[in-house]
Amino acid sequence: MEPNQETAAPTRVLRLFSRLNVGGPSIHVILLTAGLAAKGYTTRLVIGTEAPHEGNLLDLATQKGVACEAMPSLGREIRPFSDARALLALYRLMRSFEPHIVHTHAAKAGLLGRLAARLAGVPVVVHTYHGHVLRGYFGAAKTALFLRLERLLARSTDVLVAVSPGVKQDLVELGVAPAERFRVVPLGLELAALTGSLPRGGLRDEKRIPEDAPLIGMVGRLVPIKDVATFLRAAARVKDVTPAARFAVVGDGEERQWLEGESARLGLAEAVTFHGWRRDIPSIYGDLDVVVNTSRNEGTPVALIEALAAGKPVVATRVGGTPDLLQGGAFGRLVEAGDPRAVADAIIGTLQDPAAARARALAGQAHVLREHAAARLVADVDALYRELLLRKTAA
């Protein structure tokens, strides 16, 4: 089962992912699949279907030579009859493909994939938590059900992977599994394009924002857990102190229409621009002076990794893996979630002390280029797979 020896058959991996929507987990899955192919693995990537407003990264998968097999019932929503059919389909796929490893990502794919893998007798089962839905997403009863399922599934999983120490600690505290059952494998991204001189005008030209006007932005899905409303309320406070400030919201999602109305209600219609999804990533960070994340729950926010790679100051809430990424505040300002005043004060402080903000950002840049490179991700997972397969062979 050693994948990199000419005399050995390739190691077969079945990777299951709930949906290839725009976001960090999708980038992670694509780059990991492509990188492991270069090391000799044979991988089949099966994905569910994203909601229309989420966008997808199928173009990135094509660019990287990653073929995706659609199984719509792997998507996020729980539908008992459809899920039962998906479980059977996965079982049959595993029996025919005979993977050495099943590696699942995200909650729904993790539930169905791990059940099918154990029914099919797959030697190694791995699950990655890119975050989790056990705080802040659902009501008490639904959360309790999902927590119980995660605890049961953890017992039959060879290794549980968390994308940051903070996510791991959160899951341990929730009782999903003991700490020794987890490995931390941080996100890995292609960041080189963000490290040089970045283009200007990609966002500013749309609203003719002057070069000397501070442009503060957030990049991500417009969904409740991201708490974009707190960003807008903070923006109103920042504008009272710095009237020239302008704000950019890059992304889309189910709350967009409501957020645009909230922006108008706050008197920010001319100061805030909703740009939707953008693929010109260097142009986005080339224009922003401060990048903000106001999430109530996070794994490791890709937008903050990208911002730091671009050497941009960041302000973020102290949730999930964000404090790990920012080293407790060494690489950016941390505030409590749901507090517009604290977010505004942090933004204002960043604008008023650009030298300190720049120093934090450059220290963060060196960190993310070292710790969040795609090559490091692939090497870490390759080593993990080899260890697990060797352990199974020796057992």
Protein backbone atom coordinates (compact mmCIF):
# COMPACT_ATOMS: atom_id res chain seq x y z
CA MET A 1 0.00 0.00 0.00
CA GLU A 2 3.00 2.33 -0.27
CA PRO A 3 2.01 4.81 -3.02
CA ASN A 4 5.41 6.13 -4.09
CA GLN A 5 7.24 2.98 -5.04
CA GLU A 6 7.33 1.88 -8.66
CA THR A 7 6.73 -1.75 -7.68
CA ALA A 8 3.67 -0.99 -5.56
CA ALA A 9 0.11 -0.50 -6.76
CA PRO A 10 -1.22 3.03 -6.14
CA THR A 11 -3.00 3.60 -2.88
CA ARG A 12 -6.69 4.13 -3.57
CA VAL A 13 -8.43 6.94 -1.70
CA LEU A 14 -12.14 7.69 -1.77
CA ARG A 15 -12.61 11.32 -0.71
CA LEU A 16 -16.12 12.47 0.19
CA PHE A 17 -17.09 16.10 0.54
CA SER A 18 -20.55 17.55 1.18
CA ARG A 19 -20.41 20.35 -1.43
CA LEU A 20 -17.79 22.22 -3.42
CA ASN A 21 -19.11 25.66 -2.49
CA VAL A 22 -16.90 28.74 -2.53
CA GLY A 23 -14.79 28.60 0.62
CA GLY A 24 -11.70 27.29 2.33
CA PRO A 25 -12.71 23.65 2.75
CA SER A 26 -13.35 23.29 -0.99
CA ILE A 27 -9.97 24.79 -1.86
CA HIS A 28 -8.35 22.47 0.70
CA VAL A 29 -10.02 19.38 -0.78
CA ILE A 30 -9.10 20.27 -4.37
CA LEU A 31 -5.47 21.09 -3.65
CA LEU A 32 -5.08 18.01 -1.46
CA THR A 33 -6.53 15.73 -4.13
CA ALA A 34 -4.35 17.24 -6.85
CA GLY A 35 -1.22 17.16 -4.70
CA LEU A 36 -1.67 13.53 -3.69
CA ALA A 37 -2.20 12.52 -7.33
CA ALA A 38 1.27 13.88 -8.03
CA LYS A 39 2.58 11.56 -5.30
CA GLY A 40 1.02 8.50 -6.92
CA TYR A 41 -2.33 8.16 -5.14
CA THR A 42 -5.45 7.21 -7.06
CA THR A 43 -8.28 9.33 -5.68
CA ARG A 44 -11.97 9.48 -6.47
CA LEU A 45 -13.59 12.66 -5.22
CA VAL A 46 -17.35 12.42 -4.66
CA ILE A 47 -19.20 15.65 -3.87
CA GLY A 48 -22.71 16.78 -3.06
CA THR A 49 -24.50 19.79 -4.55
CA GLU A 50 -24.23 23.32 -3.22
CA ALA A 51 -27.14 25.76 -2.96
CA PRO A 52 -27.47 28.19 -5.92
CA HIS A 53 -26.41 31.25 -3.91
CA GLU A 54 -23.23 29.58 -2.63
CA GLY A 55 -21.32 29.42 -5.90
CA ASN A 56 -18.88 26.58 -6.52
CA LEU A 57 -15.23 25.90 -7.28
CA LEU A 58 -15.65 23.40 -10.10
CA ASP A 59 -13.50 25.64 -12.30
CA LEU A 60 -10.62 25.36 -9.82
CA ALA A 61 -11.04 21.58 -9.75
CA THR A 62 -10.86 21.48 -13.55
CA GLN A 63 -7.82 23.75 -13.54
CA LYS A 64 -6.06 21.38 -11.14
CA GLY A 65 -7.05 18.27 -13.07
CA VAL A 66 -9.36 17.00 -10.33
CA ALA A 67 -12.39 15.06 -11.55
CA CYS A 68 -15.49 15.37 -9.36
CA GLU A 69 -18.23 12.72 -9.18
CA ALA A 70 -21.60 14.18 -8.25
CA MET A 71 -23.82 12.62 -5.63
CA PRO A 72 -26.42 15.32 -4.88
CA SER A 73 -27.69 13.62 -1.72
CA LEU A 74 -24.31 14.28 -0.04
CA GLY A 75 -25.32 17.94 0.22
CA ARG A 76 -25.90 19.70 3.50
CA GLU A 77 -29.61 19.08 4.10
CA ILE A 78 -30.78 16.02 6.07
CA ARG A 79 -33.35 13.99 4.06
CA PRO A 80 -33.84 10.50 5.51
CA PHE A 81 -34.99 8.65 2.38
CA SER A 82 -32.46 10.34 0.12
CA ASP A 83 -29.74 9.81 2.70
CA ALA A 84 -30.54 6.10 2.92
CA ARG A 85 -30.16 5.81 -0.85
CA ALA A 86 -26.88 7.71 -0.68
CA LEU A 87 -25.61 5.36 2.03
CA LEU A 88 -26.39 2.37 -0.17
CA ALA A 89 -24.77 4.03 -3.20
CA LEU A 90 -21.63 4.77 -1.21
CA TYR A 91 -21.48 1.22 0.10
CA ARG A 92 -21.71 -0.15 -3.46
CA LEU A 93 -19.07 2.31 -4.66
CA MET A 94 -16.70 1.25 -1.90
CA ARG A 95 -17.25 -2.43 -2.62
CA SER A 96 -16.42 -1.91 -6.30
CA PHE A 97 -13.58 0.62 -5.94
CA GLU A 98 -12.08 -1.10 -2.88
CA PRO A 99 -10.36 1.98 -1.44
CA HIS A 100 -7.54 1.57 1.03
CA ILE A 101 -8.64 4.84 2.64
CA VAL A 102 -11.95 6.66 2.91
CA HIS A 103 -11.40 10.29 3.90
CA THR A 104 -14.51 12.36 4.60
CA HIS A 105 -14.83 16.13 4.95
CA ALA A 106 -17.72 18.07 6.54
CA ALA A 107 -20.63 16.76 8.61
CA LYS A 108 -23.02 15.16 6.12
CA ALA A 109 -20.32 13.42 4.05
CA GLY A 110 -18.71 12.39 7.33
CA LEU A 111 -21.89 10.75 8.59
CA LEU A 112 -22.80 8.78 5.46
CA GLY A 113 -19.24 8.11 4.36
CA ARG A 114 -18.01 6.73 7.64
CA LEU A 115 -21.05 4.50 8.06
CA ALA A 116 -20.64 3.13 4.53
CA ALA A 117 -16.90 2.64 5.00
CA ARG A 118 -17.34 0.48 8.08
CA LEU A 119 -20.12 -1.53 6.44
CA ALA A 120 -17.87 -2.09 3.41
CA GLY A 121 -14.84 -3.07 5.49
CA VAL A 122 -12.56 -0.23 4.32
CA PRO A 123 -9.18 -0.58 6.10
CA VAL A 124 -8.62 3.10 7.03
CA VAL A 125 -11.23 5.78 7.75
CA VAL A 126 -10.27 9.42 8.30
CA HIS A 127 -12.52 12.42 8.92
CA THR A 128 -11.53 16.09 8.75
CA TYR A 129 -13.29 18.80 10.78
CA HIS A 130 -12.87 22.09 8.90
CA GLY A 131 -14.86 23.56 11.75
CA HIS A 132 -18.06 22.10 13.14
CA VAL A 133 -21.80 22.75 13.44
CA LEU A 134 -22.03 21.96 17.14
CA ARG A 135 -22.15 25.58 18.31
CA GLY A 136 -24.14 28.47 16.89
CA TYR A 137 -25.82 26.76 13.92
CA PHE A 138 -28.93 24.99 15.19
CA GLY A 139 -31.35 24.82 18.12
CA ALA A 140 -30.62 22.81 21.27
CA ALA A 141 -32.40 19.59 20.24
CA LYS A 142 -30.82 19.37 16.78
CA THR A 143 -27.39 20.25 18.15
CA ALA A 144 -27.70 17.53 20.81
CA LEU A 145 -28.60 14.96 18.12
CA PHE A 146 -25.64 15.93 15.94
CA LEU A 147 -23.30 15.83 18.91
CA ARG A 148 -24.43 12.33 19.81
CA LEU A 149 -23.92 11.20 16.21
CA GLU A 150 -20.43 12.70 16.10
CA ARG A 151 -19.47 10.91 19.32
CA LEU A 152 -20.70 7.59 17.92
CA LEU A 153 -18.96 8.06 14.58
CA ALA A 154 -15.70 9.06 16.24
CA ARG A 155 -15.41 5.61 17.82
CA SER A 156 -15.20 3.94 14.40
CA THR A 157 -12.86 6.50 12.81
CA ASP A 158 -9.14 5.74 12.74
CA VAL A 159 -8.06 9.38 12.95
CA LEU A 160 -9.99 12.60 13.46
CA VAL A 161 -8.32 15.59 11.81
CA ALA A 162 -8.84 19.17 12.97
CA VAL A 163 -7.64 22.16 10.94
CA SER A 164 -6.38 24.03 14.01
CA PRO A 165 -5.57 23.46 17.68
CA GLY A 166 -8.58 25.60 18.59
CA VAL A 167 -10.99 23.44 16.60
CA LYS A 168 -9.46 20.32 18.16
CA GLN A 169 -9.81 21.74 21.68
CA ASP A 170 -13.40 22.75 21.04
CA LEU A 171 -14.29 19.22 19.88
CA VAL A 172 -12.52 17.66 22.84
CA GLU A 173 -14.41 19.94 25.24
CA LEU A 174 -17.67 18.96 23.53
CA GLY A 175 -16.86 15.33 24.21
CA VAL A 176 -16.61 14.23 20.57
CA ALA A 177 -13.46 12.22 21.36
CA PRO A 178 -10.38 12.35 23.61
CA ALA A 179 -7.49 14.58 22.54
CA GLU A 180 -5.27 11.64 21.58
CA ARG A 181 -7.72 10.64 18.82
CA PHE A 182 -7.11 13.92 16.95
CA ARG A 183 -4.38 15.18 14.64
CA VAL A 184 -4.04 18.82 13.69
CA VAL A 185 -3.44 19.36 9.98
CA PRO A 186 -3.74 23.08 9.13
CA LEU A 187 -5.21 24.33 5.87
CA GLY A 188 -2.84 24.56 2.93
CA LEU A 189 -3.32 27.11 0.16
CA GLU A 190 -1.54 28.47 -2.91
CA LEU A 191 -0.41 31.85 -1.62
CA ALA A 192 2.48 32.91 -3.87
CA ALA A 193 0.27 35.15 -6.04
CA LEU A 194 -0.52 37.28 -2.98
CA THR A 195 3.04 37.98 -1.89
CA GLY A 196 4.23 40.41 -4.54
CA SER A 197 3.03 43.78 -5.76
CA LEU A 198 -0.75 43.52 -5.97
CA PRO A 199 -2.98 45.24 -8.55
CA ARG A 200 -5.02 48.22 -7.45
CA GLY A 201 -8.45 49.37 -8.52
CA GLY A 202 -10.31 46.07 -8.68
CA LEU A 203 -12.71 47.17 -5.94
CA ARG A 204 -12.08 50.92 -5.75
CA ASP A 205 -12.83 51.69 -9.38
CA GLU A 206 -16.36 50.33 -9.07
CA LYS A 207 -17.31 53.18 -6.75
CA ARG A 208 -14.51 55.62 -7.66
CA ILE A 209 -13.06 55.37 -4.18
CA PRO A 210 -10.01 57.66 -3.84
CA GLU A 211 -6.62 56.06 -3.29
CA ASP A 212 -6.24 57.78 0.08
CA ALA A 213 -9.67 56.74 1.41
CA PRO A 214 -9.45 53.80 3.86
CA LEU A 215 -11.15 50.72 2.39
CA ILE A 216 -12.17 48.12 4.97
CA GLY A 217 -13.51 44.80 3.77
CA MET A 218 -14.75 41.36 4.61
CA VAL A 219 -14.58 38.34 2.31
CA GLY A 220 -16.84 35.32 2.75
CA ARG A 221 -20.28 33.75 2.67
CA LEU A 222 -23.21 35.96 3.60
CA VAL A 223 -24.81 33.53 6.03
CA PRO A 224 -25.90 33.90 9.68
CA ILE A 225 -22.83 32.23 11.22
CA LYS A 226 -20.57 34.86 9.59
CA ASP A 227 -22.48 37.65 11.40
CA VAL A 228 -21.97 40.22 8.66
CA ALA A 229 -24.49 42.45 10.42
CA THR A 230 -21.92 43.08 13.13
CA PHE A 231 -19.45 44.21 10.45
CA LEU A 232 -22.02 46.67 9.10
CA ARG A 233 -22.83 48.05 12.54
CA ALA A 234 -19.11 48.43 13.20
CA ALA A 235 -18.77 50.19 9.83
CA ALA A 236 -21.32 52.79 10.90
CA ARG A 237 -19.24 53.54 14.00
CA VAL A 238 -16.01 53.71 12.01
CA LYS A 239 -17.55 56.15 9.54
CA ASP A 240 -18.55 58.47 12.39
CA VAL A 241 -14.86 58.74 13.34
CA THR A 242 -13.38 58.49 9.82
CA PRO A 243 -15.93 59.94 7.37
CA ALA A 244 -13.77 59.12 4.33
CA ALA A 245 -13.79 55.37 5.14
CA ARG A 246 -15.43 53.02 2.67
CA PHE A 247 -16.38 49.36 3.06
CA ALA A 248 -16.44 46.32 0.78
CA VAL A 249 -18.39 43.08 1.23
CA VAL A 250 -17.01 40.40 -1.10
CA GLY A 251 -19.12 37.25 -1.24
CA ASP A 252 -22.69 36.10 -1.51
CA GLY A 253 -25.25 34.00 0.33
CA GLU A 254 -28.73 33.71 1.69
CA GLU A 255 -28.53 36.93 3.74
CA ARG A 256 -27.38 39.25 0.97
CA GLN A 257 -30.70 40.97 0.31
CA TRP A 258 -31.35 41.45 4.02
CA LEU A 259 -27.82 42.78 4.59
CA GLU A 260 -28.15 45.27 1.75
CA GLY A 261 -31.33 46.52 3.43
CA GLU A 262 -29.55 46.68 6.79
CA SER A 263 -26.74 48.68 5.21
CA ALA A 264 -29.25 51.22 3.89
CA ARG A 265 -31.02 51.37 7.25
CA LEU A 266 -27.70 52.20 8.92
CA GLY A 267 -27.13 55.05 6.47
CA LEU A 268 -24.31 53.21 4.70
CA ALA A 269 -25.81 52.79 1.22
CA GLU A 270 -23.12 55.01 -0.34
CA ALA A 271 -20.29 53.77 1.86
CA VAL A 272 -20.72 49.99 1.55
CA THR A 273 -20.47 48.06 -1.72
CA PHE A 274 -21.63 44.46 -2.06
CA HIS A 275 -19.40 42.96 -4.74
CA GLY A 276 -20.66 39.35 -4.82
CA TRP A 277 -18.23 36.52 -5.50
CA ARG A 278 -14.98 37.60 -7.10
CA ARG A 279 -12.22 35.37 -8.51
CA ASP A 280 -9.61 38.13 -8.91
CA ILE A 281 -8.22 37.45 -5.44
CA PRO A 282 -5.00 39.53 -5.76
CA SER A 283 -7.07 42.55 -6.87
CA ILE A 284 -9.32 42.22 -3.83
CA TYR A 285 -6.48 42.29 -1.32
CA GLY A 286 -4.57 44.86 -3.38
CA ASP A 287 -7.31 47.39 -2.65
CA LEU A 288 -8.18 46.60 0.98
CA ASP A 289 -6.49 48.45 3.84
CA VAL A 290 -8.01 46.31 6.62
CA VAL A 291 -9.60 42.85 6.35
CA VAL A 292 -12.28 41.98 8.94
CA ASN A 293 -13.88 38.71 10.02
CA THR A 294 -16.85 38.86 12.40
CA SER A 295 -17.84 35.17 12.49
CA ARG A 296 -19.50 33.56 15.48
CA ASN A 297 -17.87 30.20 14.68
CA GLU A 298 -14.93 29.31 12.43
CA GLY A 299 -12.51 26.57 11.49
CA THR A 300 -9.62 28.49 9.99
CA PRO A 301 -10.82 31.48 7.91
CA VAL A 302 -9.20 31.40 4.46
CA ALA A 303 -9.82 35.12 3.95
CA LEU A 304 -7.57 35.90 6.91
CA ILE A 305 -4.84 33.56 5.66
CA GLU A 306 -5.02 35.28 2.27
CA ALA A 307 -5.03 38.74 3.85
CA LEU A 308 -1.93 37.95 5.90
CA ALA A 309 -0.20 36.44 2.87
CA ALA A 310 -0.86 39.78 1.16
CA GLY A 311 0.58 41.62 4.17
CA LYS A 312 -2.74 43.23 5.09
CA PRO A 313 -3.81 44.15 8.65
CA VAL A 314 -6.67 42.07 10.01
CA VAL A 315 -9.35 42.36 12.69
CA ALA A 316 -11.23 39.23 13.70
CA THR A 317 -13.42 37.66 16.34
CA ARG A 318 -11.94 35.32 18.91
CA VAL A 319 -13.66 32.12 17.74
CA GLY A 320 -12.68 28.63 16.56
CA GLY A 321 -9.26 28.47 14.93
CA THR A 322 -8.89 32.23 14.44
CA PRO A 323 -6.87 32.88 17.64
CA ASP A 324 -4.48 30.10 16.56
CA LEU A 325 -4.03 31.69 13.16
CA LEU A 326 -3.42 35.14 14.66
CA GLN A 327 -1.24 33.73 17.47
CA GLY A 328 -3.45 35.24 20.16
CA GLY A 329 -3.28 38.72 18.61
CA ALA A 330 0.35 38.86 17.50
CA PHE A 331 -0.64 38.95 13.82
CA GLY A 332 -3.89 40.92 14.05
CA ARG A 333 -6.43 42.38 16.44
CA LEU A 334 -8.82 39.97 18.17
CA VAL A 335 -12.22 40.97 19.59
CA GLU A 336 -15.18 39.16 21.09
CA ALA A 337 -17.91 37.95 18.74
CA GLY A 338 -21.13 39.95 18.36
CA ASP A 339 -19.67 43.26 19.60
CA PRO A 340 -19.85 46.00 16.93
CA ARG A 341 -18.23 48.58 19.22
CA ALA A 342 -15.20 46.36 19.82
CA VAL A 343 -14.87 45.62 16.10
CA ALA A 344 -15.10 49.33 15.28
CA ASP A 345 -12.53 50.27 17.93
CA ALA A 346 -10.14 47.65 16.58
CA ILE A 347 -10.54 48.93 13.02
CA ILE A 348 -10.07 52.54 14.11
CA GLY A 349 -7.01 51.58 16.15
CA THR A 350 -5.56 49.78 13.14
CA LEU A 351 -6.08 52.81 10.90
CA GLN A 352 -4.66 55.21 13.46
CA ASP A 353 -1.46 53.23 14.07
CA PRO A 354 -0.43 51.98 10.63
CA ALA A 355 3.15 51.18 11.64
CA ALA A 356 2.07 48.73 14.36
CA ALA A 357 -0.60 47.28 12.08
CA ARG A 358 1.97 46.77 9.33
CA ALA A 359 4.39 45.06 11.72
CA ARG A 360 1.70 42.62 12.84
CA ALA A 361 0.70 41.92 9.25
CA LEU A 362 4.27 41.24 8.09
CA ALA A 363 4.87 38.88 11.02
CA GLY A 364 1.63 37.12 10.05
CA GLN A 365 2.72 36.96 6.42
CA ALA A 366 5.89 35.07 7.30
CA HIS A 367 3.85 32.69 9.45
CA VAL A 368 1.17 31.79 6.90
CA LEU A 369 3.63 31.37 4.05
CA ARG A 370 5.47 28.84 6.19
CA GLU A 371 2.57 27.07 7.90
CA HIS A 372 -0.26 27.24 5.35
CA ALA A 373 1.37 26.28 2.07
CA ALA A 374 -0.33 23.67 -0.12
CA ALA A 375 2.88 21.62 -0.31
CA ARG A 376 2.94 21.35 3.48
CA LEU A 377 -0.68 20.16 3.53
CA VAL A 378 0.00 17.43 0.98
CA ALA A 379 3.15 16.29 2.79
CA ASP A 380 1.30 16.12 6.12
CA VAL A 381 -1.57 14.05 4.75
CA ASP A 382 0.76 11.79 2.77
CA ALA A 383 2.68 11.06 5.99
CA LEU A 384 -0.56 10.44 7.89
CA TYR A 385 -1.87 8.02 5.26
CA ARG A 386 1.41 6.10 5.22
CA GLU A 387 1.42 5.83 9.00
CA LEU A 388 -2.16 4.55 9.13
CA LEU A 389 -1.66 2.01 6.34
CA LEU A 390 1.52 0.73 7.95
CA ARG A 391 -0.30 0.38 11.24
CA LYS A 392 -3.08 -1.64 9.58
CA THR A 393 -0.57 -3.85 7.77
CA ALA A 394 1.32 -4.53 10.99
CA ALA A 395 -1.84 -5.27 13.00
